[in-house]
Amino acid sequence: MTLNKELMIVLTTEANSENAEVLAERILRKKLAACISFHQIESMYWWNSQLKRDGEVQIMIKTTKFQLEKLLDTVKDLHSYENPELLSWEASSSNSYLNWANKVTGSIDSL
């Protein structure tokens, strides 16, 4: 199987499941992602000179290179956090998964 490297993974977190689901639905309705996964996590971090520990929902967003900038801008605009985590990296995928992601997000006209 040949893997294609046009898929992008974007990682962010939200304070709770409700916020995560609202953000995900808005991203998906804008067709900026093909799939979004949720994971309950515990995070420790510095905020305002204090060490914090909170439960969060980690959000893994699968998108295409074509939609990446629009997706990042949308997450910044809609996110409930003042300074949201936004990590992204290129991912290898099967051609069929990439074709599906491209079709879902409108990154290509047709397959």
N, C-alpha and C. Protein backbone atom coordinates (compact mmCIF):
# COMPACT_ATOMS: atom_id res chain seq x y z
N MET A 1 0.86 -1.18 0.00
CA MET A 1 0.00 0.00 0.00
C MET A 1 0.90 1.24 0.00
N THR A 2 0.62 2.15 -0.89
CA THR A 2 1.33 3.42 -0.95
C THR A 2 0.64 4.43 -0.06
N LEU A 3 1.44 5.15 0.74
CA LEU A 3 0.86 6.18 1.61
C LEU A 3 1.08 7.55 1.01
N ASN A 4 0.10 8.39 1.14
CA ASN A 4 0.14 9.76 0.63
C ASN A 4 0.27 10.70 1.81
N LYS A 5 1.03 11.79 1.66
CA LYS A 5 1.28 12.70 2.77
C LYS A 5 0.59 14.06 2.59
N GLU A 6 -0.62 14.06 2.15
CA GLU A 6 -1.37 15.31 1.98
C GLU A 6 -2.37 15.56 3.09
N LEU A 7 -2.51 14.61 4.00
CA LEU A 7 -3.45 14.74 5.10
C LEU A 7 -2.78 15.49 6.25
N MET A 8 -3.54 16.27 6.97
CA MET A 8 -3.03 17.01 8.11
C MET A 8 -3.82 16.63 9.36
N ILE A 9 -3.10 16.58 10.48
CA ILE A 9 -3.72 16.36 11.78
C ILE A 9 -3.58 17.66 12.57
N VAL A 10 -4.66 18.11 13.16
CA VAL A 10 -4.65 19.30 14.01
C VAL A 10 -5.14 18.86 15.38
N LEU A 11 -4.41 19.28 16.40
CA LEU A 11 -4.75 18.92 17.78
C LEU A 11 -5.05 20.17 18.58
N THR A 12 -6.14 20.13 19.32
CA THR A 12 -6.48 21.20 20.24
C THR A 12 -7.20 20.56 21.44
N THR A 13 -7.52 21.36 22.43
CA THR A 13 -8.26 20.88 23.59
C THR A 13 -9.39 21.85 23.89
N GLU A 14 -10.40 21.34 24.55
CA GLU A 14 -11.50 22.17 25.06
C GLU A 14 -11.74 21.79 26.51
N ALA A 15 -12.41 22.66 27.24
CA ALA A 15 -12.62 22.47 28.67
C ALA A 15 -13.55 21.30 28.99
N ASN A 16 -14.49 21.00 28.08
CA ASN A 16 -15.46 19.95 28.36
C ASN A 16 -16.04 19.39 27.06
N SER A 17 -16.80 18.31 27.19
CA SER A 17 -17.37 17.64 26.02
C SER A 17 -18.33 18.53 25.25
N GLU A 18 -19.12 19.32 25.96
CA GLU A 18 -20.06 20.20 25.27
C GLU A 18 -19.34 21.19 24.37
N ASN A 19 -18.32 21.87 24.88
CA ASN A 19 -17.55 22.81 24.06
C ASN A 19 -16.89 22.10 22.89
N ALA A 20 -16.34 20.91 23.15
CA ALA A 20 -15.66 20.15 22.10
C ALA A 20 -16.62 19.78 20.98
N GLU A 21 -17.81 19.34 21.34
CA GLU A 21 -18.80 18.94 20.34
C GLU A 21 -19.30 20.13 19.54
N VAL A 22 -19.52 21.26 20.19
CA VAL A 22 -19.95 22.46 19.47
C VAL A 22 -18.88 22.89 18.47
N LEU A 23 -17.63 22.93 18.91
CA LEU A 23 -16.54 23.31 18.03
C LEU A 23 -16.43 22.34 16.86
N ALA A 24 -16.48 21.05 17.14
CA ALA A 24 -16.37 20.04 16.09
C ALA A 24 -17.49 20.16 15.07
N GLU A 25 -18.70 20.31 15.56
CA GLU A 25 -19.83 20.41 14.63
C GLU A 25 -19.71 21.63 13.72
N ARG A 26 -19.27 22.74 14.27
CA ARG A 26 -19.13 23.95 13.45
C ARG A 26 -18.03 23.77 12.40
N ILE A 27 -16.94 23.11 12.78
CA ILE A 27 -15.85 22.83 11.82
C ILE A 27 -16.35 21.90 10.72
N LEU A 28 -17.04 20.84 11.11
CA LEU A 28 -17.52 19.86 10.13
C LEU A 28 -18.58 20.46 9.21
N ARG A 29 -19.47 21.28 9.74
CA ARG A 29 -20.50 21.90 8.90
C ARG A 29 -19.89 22.87 7.88
N LYS A 30 -18.75 23.45 8.21
CA LYS A 30 -18.03 24.32 7.26
C LYS A 30 -17.19 23.50 6.28
N LYS A 31 -17.19 22.17 6.46
CA LYS A 31 -16.43 21.23 5.62
C LYS A 31 -14.94 21.53 5.64
N LEU A 32 -14.44 21.90 6.82
CA LEU A 32 -13.01 22.17 7.00
C LEU A 32 -12.27 20.95 7.50
N ALA A 33 -12.98 19.89 7.81
CA ALA A 33 -12.37 18.64 8.27
C ALA A 33 -13.22 17.48 7.80
N ALA A 34 -12.58 16.33 7.70
CA ALA A 34 -13.29 15.11 7.30
C ALA A 34 -13.76 14.32 8.50
N CYS A 35 -13.01 14.39 9.60
CA CYS A 35 -13.30 13.58 10.77
C CYS A 35 -12.69 14.25 12.00
N ILE A 36 -13.37 14.14 13.13
CA ILE A 36 -12.87 14.71 14.38
C ILE A 36 -13.08 13.68 15.48
N SER A 37 -12.02 13.43 16.25
CA SER A 37 -12.07 12.47 17.36
C SER A 37 -11.91 13.20 18.68
N PHE A 38 -12.51 12.64 19.73
CA PHE A 38 -12.44 13.21 21.07
C PHE A 38 -11.79 12.22 22.03
N HIS A 39 -11.00 12.74 22.95
CA HIS A 39 -10.36 11.92 23.97
C HIS A 39 -10.39 12.69 25.29
N GLN A 40 -10.90 12.08 26.35
CA GLN A 40 -10.86 12.68 27.68
C GLN A 40 -9.43 12.59 28.19
N ILE A 41 -8.86 13.72 28.66
CA ILE A 41 -7.49 13.73 29.14
C ILE A 41 -7.39 14.56 30.42
N GLU A 42 -6.28 14.43 31.11
CA GLU A 42 -5.89 15.30 32.22
C GLU A 42 -4.69 16.10 31.76
N SER A 43 -4.71 17.40 31.96
CA SER A 43 -3.61 18.26 31.53
C SER A 43 -3.03 19.02 32.71
N MET A 44 -1.72 19.18 32.70
CA MET A 44 -1.02 20.06 33.65
C MET A 44 -0.30 21.11 32.81
N TYR A 45 -0.41 22.37 33.24
CA TYR A 45 0.16 23.45 32.44
C TYR A 45 0.32 24.70 33.30
N TRP A 46 1.12 25.61 32.79
CA TRP A 46 1.27 26.92 33.43
C TRP A 46 0.27 27.90 32.82
N TRP A 47 -0.43 28.64 33.69
CA TRP A 47 -1.33 29.70 33.22
C TRP A 47 -1.32 30.81 34.26
N ASN A 48 -1.02 32.03 33.80
CA ASN A 48 -0.95 33.19 34.68
C ASN A 48 -0.07 32.92 35.91
N SER A 49 1.10 32.39 35.66
CA SER A 49 2.11 32.10 36.68
C SER A 49 1.69 31.06 37.71
N GLN A 50 0.68 30.29 37.41
CA GLN A 50 0.22 29.23 38.32
C GLN A 50 0.23 27.89 37.59
N LEU A 51 0.65 26.86 38.32
CA LEU A 51 0.59 25.51 37.79
C LEU A 51 -0.84 25.00 37.94
N LYS A 52 -1.44 24.60 36.84
CA LYS A 52 -2.84 24.16 36.81
C LYS A 52 -2.92 22.69 36.44
N ARG A 53 -3.99 22.07 36.86
CA ARG A 53 -4.31 20.70 36.45
C ARG A 53 -5.81 20.64 36.23
N ASP A 54 -6.20 20.22 35.03
CA ASP A 54 -7.62 20.18 34.68
C ASP A 54 -7.93 19.00 33.78
N GLY A 55 -9.15 18.55 33.87
CA GLY A 55 -9.66 17.61 32.88
C GLY A 55 -10.02 18.40 31.63
N GLU A 56 -9.72 17.85 30.47
CA GLU A 56 -10.03 18.50 29.20
C GLU A 56 -10.46 17.43 28.20
N VAL A 57 -10.94 17.89 27.08
CA VAL A 57 -11.23 17.01 25.96
C VAL A 57 -10.23 17.37 24.85
N GLN A 58 -9.43 16.39 24.48
CA GLN A 58 -8.49 16.58 23.38
C GLN A 58 -9.24 16.31 22.08
N ILE A 59 -9.05 17.19 21.12
CA ILE A 59 -9.76 17.11 19.84
C ILE A 59 -8.73 16.89 18.74
N MET A 60 -8.85 15.76 18.05
CA MET A 60 -7.97 15.45 16.92
C MET A 60 -8.76 15.63 15.64
N ILE A 61 -8.30 16.57 14.82
CA ILE A 61 -9.01 16.94 13.60
C ILE A 61 -8.22 16.46 12.40
N LYS A 62 -8.89 15.71 11.51
CA LYS A 62 -8.26 15.25 10.28
C LYS A 62 -8.75 16.12 9.14
N THR A 63 -7.80 16.77 8.46
CA THR A 63 -8.14 17.68 7.38
C THR A 63 -7.12 17.53 6.26
N THR A 64 -7.21 18.39 5.27
CA THR A 64 -6.28 18.36 4.14
C THR A 64 -5.40 19.61 4.17
N LYS A 65 -4.29 19.53 3.47
CA LYS A 65 -3.41 20.71 3.38
C LYS A 65 -4.17 21.90 2.80
N PHE A 66 -5.06 21.62 1.86
CA PHE A 66 -5.84 22.68 1.21
C PHE A 66 -6.69 23.46 2.22
N GLN A 67 -7.23 22.80 3.22
CA GLN A 67 -8.14 23.43 4.19
C GLN A 67 -7.44 23.87 5.48
N LEU A 68 -6.16 23.59 5.63
CA LEU A 68 -5.48 23.81 6.91
C LEU A 68 -5.58 25.25 7.41
N GLU A 69 -5.24 26.22 6.62
CA GLU A 69 -5.24 27.62 7.09
C GLU A 69 -6.63 28.09 7.47
N LYS A 70 -7.63 27.73 6.66
CA LYS A 70 -9.01 28.11 6.99
C LYS A 70 -9.45 27.44 8.29
N LEU A 71 -9.05 26.19 8.47
CA LEU A 71 -9.38 25.47 9.69
C LEU A 71 -8.75 26.14 10.91
N LEU A 72 -7.46 26.46 10.84
CA LEU A 72 -6.78 27.09 11.97
C LEU A 72 -7.41 28.43 12.32
N ASP A 73 -7.73 29.23 11.30
CA ASP A 73 -8.40 30.52 11.55
C ASP A 73 -9.76 30.33 12.20
N THR A 74 -10.50 29.33 11.76
CA THR A 74 -11.82 29.05 12.31
C THR A 74 -11.72 28.61 13.77
N VAL A 75 -10.78 27.73 14.06
CA VAL A 75 -10.61 27.27 15.44
C VAL A 75 -10.26 28.45 16.34
N LYS A 76 -9.35 29.32 15.91
CA LYS A 76 -9.00 30.50 16.70
C LYS A 76 -10.22 31.37 16.97
N ASP A 77 -11.07 31.55 15.95
CA ASP A 77 -12.25 32.41 16.09
C ASP A 77 -13.32 31.80 17.00
N LEU A 78 -13.48 30.48 16.97
CA LEU A 78 -14.59 29.83 17.67
C LEU A 78 -14.22 29.24 19.02
N HIS A 79 -12.96 29.10 19.29
CA HIS A 79 -12.51 28.40 20.49
C HIS A 79 -12.88 29.15 21.76
N SER A 80 -13.18 28.41 22.82
CA SER A 80 -13.56 29.04 24.10
C SER A 80 -12.35 29.52 24.90
N TYR A 81 -11.16 29.03 24.58
CA TYR A 81 -9.96 29.44 25.33
C TYR A 81 -9.38 30.73 24.76
N GLU A 82 -8.80 31.51 25.64
CA GLU A 82 -8.12 32.74 25.24
C GLU A 82 -6.90 32.43 24.36
N ASN A 83 -6.19 31.38 24.68
CA ASN A 83 -4.98 30.99 23.94
C ASN A 83 -5.04 29.48 23.68
N PRO A 84 -5.82 29.06 22.67
CA PRO A 84 -6.00 27.62 22.46
C PRO A 84 -4.73 26.94 21.94
N GLU A 85 -4.55 25.72 22.39
CA GLU A 85 -3.51 24.87 21.82
C GLU A 85 -3.88 24.59 20.37
N LEU A 86 -2.95 24.84 19.47
CA LEU A 86 -3.16 24.50 18.06
C LEU A 86 -1.86 23.90 17.53
N LEU A 87 -1.84 22.59 17.45
CA LEU A 87 -0.69 21.87 16.92
C LEU A 87 -1.12 21.20 15.62
N SER A 88 -0.24 21.20 14.64
CA SER A 88 -0.58 20.52 13.39
C SER A 88 0.65 19.84 12.82
N TRP A 89 0.40 18.74 12.12
CA TRP A 89 1.48 18.05 11.45
C TRP A 89 0.93 17.25 10.28
N GLU A 90 1.82 16.98 9.35
CA GLU A 90 1.48 16.19 8.18
C GLU A 90 1.39 14.73 8.57
N ALA A 91 0.41 14.04 8.01
CA ALA A 91 0.23 12.62 8.31
C ALA A 91 0.18 11.81 7.02
N SER A 92 0.69 10.62 7.09
CA SER A 92 0.59 9.69 5.97
C SER A 92 -0.75 8.97 6.05
N SER A 93 -1.36 8.76 4.91
CA SER A 93 -2.62 8.02 4.88
C SER A 93 -2.69 7.21 3.60
N SER A 94 -3.61 6.28 3.58
CA SER A 94 -3.85 5.55 2.34
C SER A 94 -4.44 6.52 1.32
N ASN A 95 -4.26 6.20 0.06
CA ASN A 95 -4.84 7.06 -0.98
C ASN A 95 -6.35 7.10 -0.87
N SER A 96 -6.97 5.98 -0.52
CA SER A 96 -8.44 5.97 -0.43
C SER A 96 -8.93 6.87 0.71
N TYR A 97 -8.23 6.87 1.87
CA TYR A 97 -8.63 7.74 2.97
C TYR A 97 -8.44 9.20 2.57
N LEU A 98 -7.31 9.51 1.95
CA LEU A 98 -7.06 10.88 1.50
C LEU A 98 -8.10 11.31 0.47
N ASN A 99 -8.43 10.44 -0.46
CA ASN A 99 -9.45 10.79 -1.46
C ASN A 99 -10.78 11.09 -0.79
N TRP A 100 -11.15 10.28 0.21
CA TRP A 100 -12.37 10.54 0.97
C TRP A 100 -12.30 11.89 1.67
N ALA A 101 -11.19 12.19 2.35
CA ALA A 101 -11.02 13.46 3.06
C ALA A 101 -11.10 14.63 2.08
N ASN A 102 -10.46 14.50 0.93
CA ASN A 102 -10.52 15.56 -0.08
C ASN A 102 -11.94 15.78 -0.56
N LYS A 103 -12.67 14.70 -0.78
CA LYS A 103 -14.05 14.82 -1.28
C LYS A 103 -14.94 15.47 -0.21
N VAL A 104 -14.82 15.03 1.03
CA VAL A 104 -15.66 15.55 2.12
C VAL A 104 -15.41 17.04 2.34
N THR A 105 -14.16 17.45 2.27
CA THR A 105 -13.81 18.85 2.57
C THR A 105 -13.86 19.76 1.34
N GLY A 106 -14.17 19.21 0.19
CA GLY A 106 -14.22 20.03 -1.01
C GLY A 106 -12.85 20.43 -1.50
N SER A 107 -11.82 19.70 -1.08
CA SER A 107 -10.46 20.02 -1.50
C SER A 107 -10.21 19.67 -2.96
N ILE A 108 -11.04 18.82 -3.51
CA ILE A 108 -11.02 18.51 -4.93
C ILE A 108 -12.46 18.49 -5.42
N ASP A 109 -12.65 18.70 -6.70
CA ASP A 109 -14.01 18.75 -7.24
C ASP A 109 -14.68 17.40 -7.28
N SER A 110 -13.98 16.40 -7.75
CA SER A 110 -14.57 15.07 -7.82
C SER A 110 -13.48 14.04 -7.86
N LEU A 111 -13.84 12.80 -7.61
CA LEU A 111 -12.88 11.69 -7.62
C LEU A 111 -13.14 10.80 -8.81
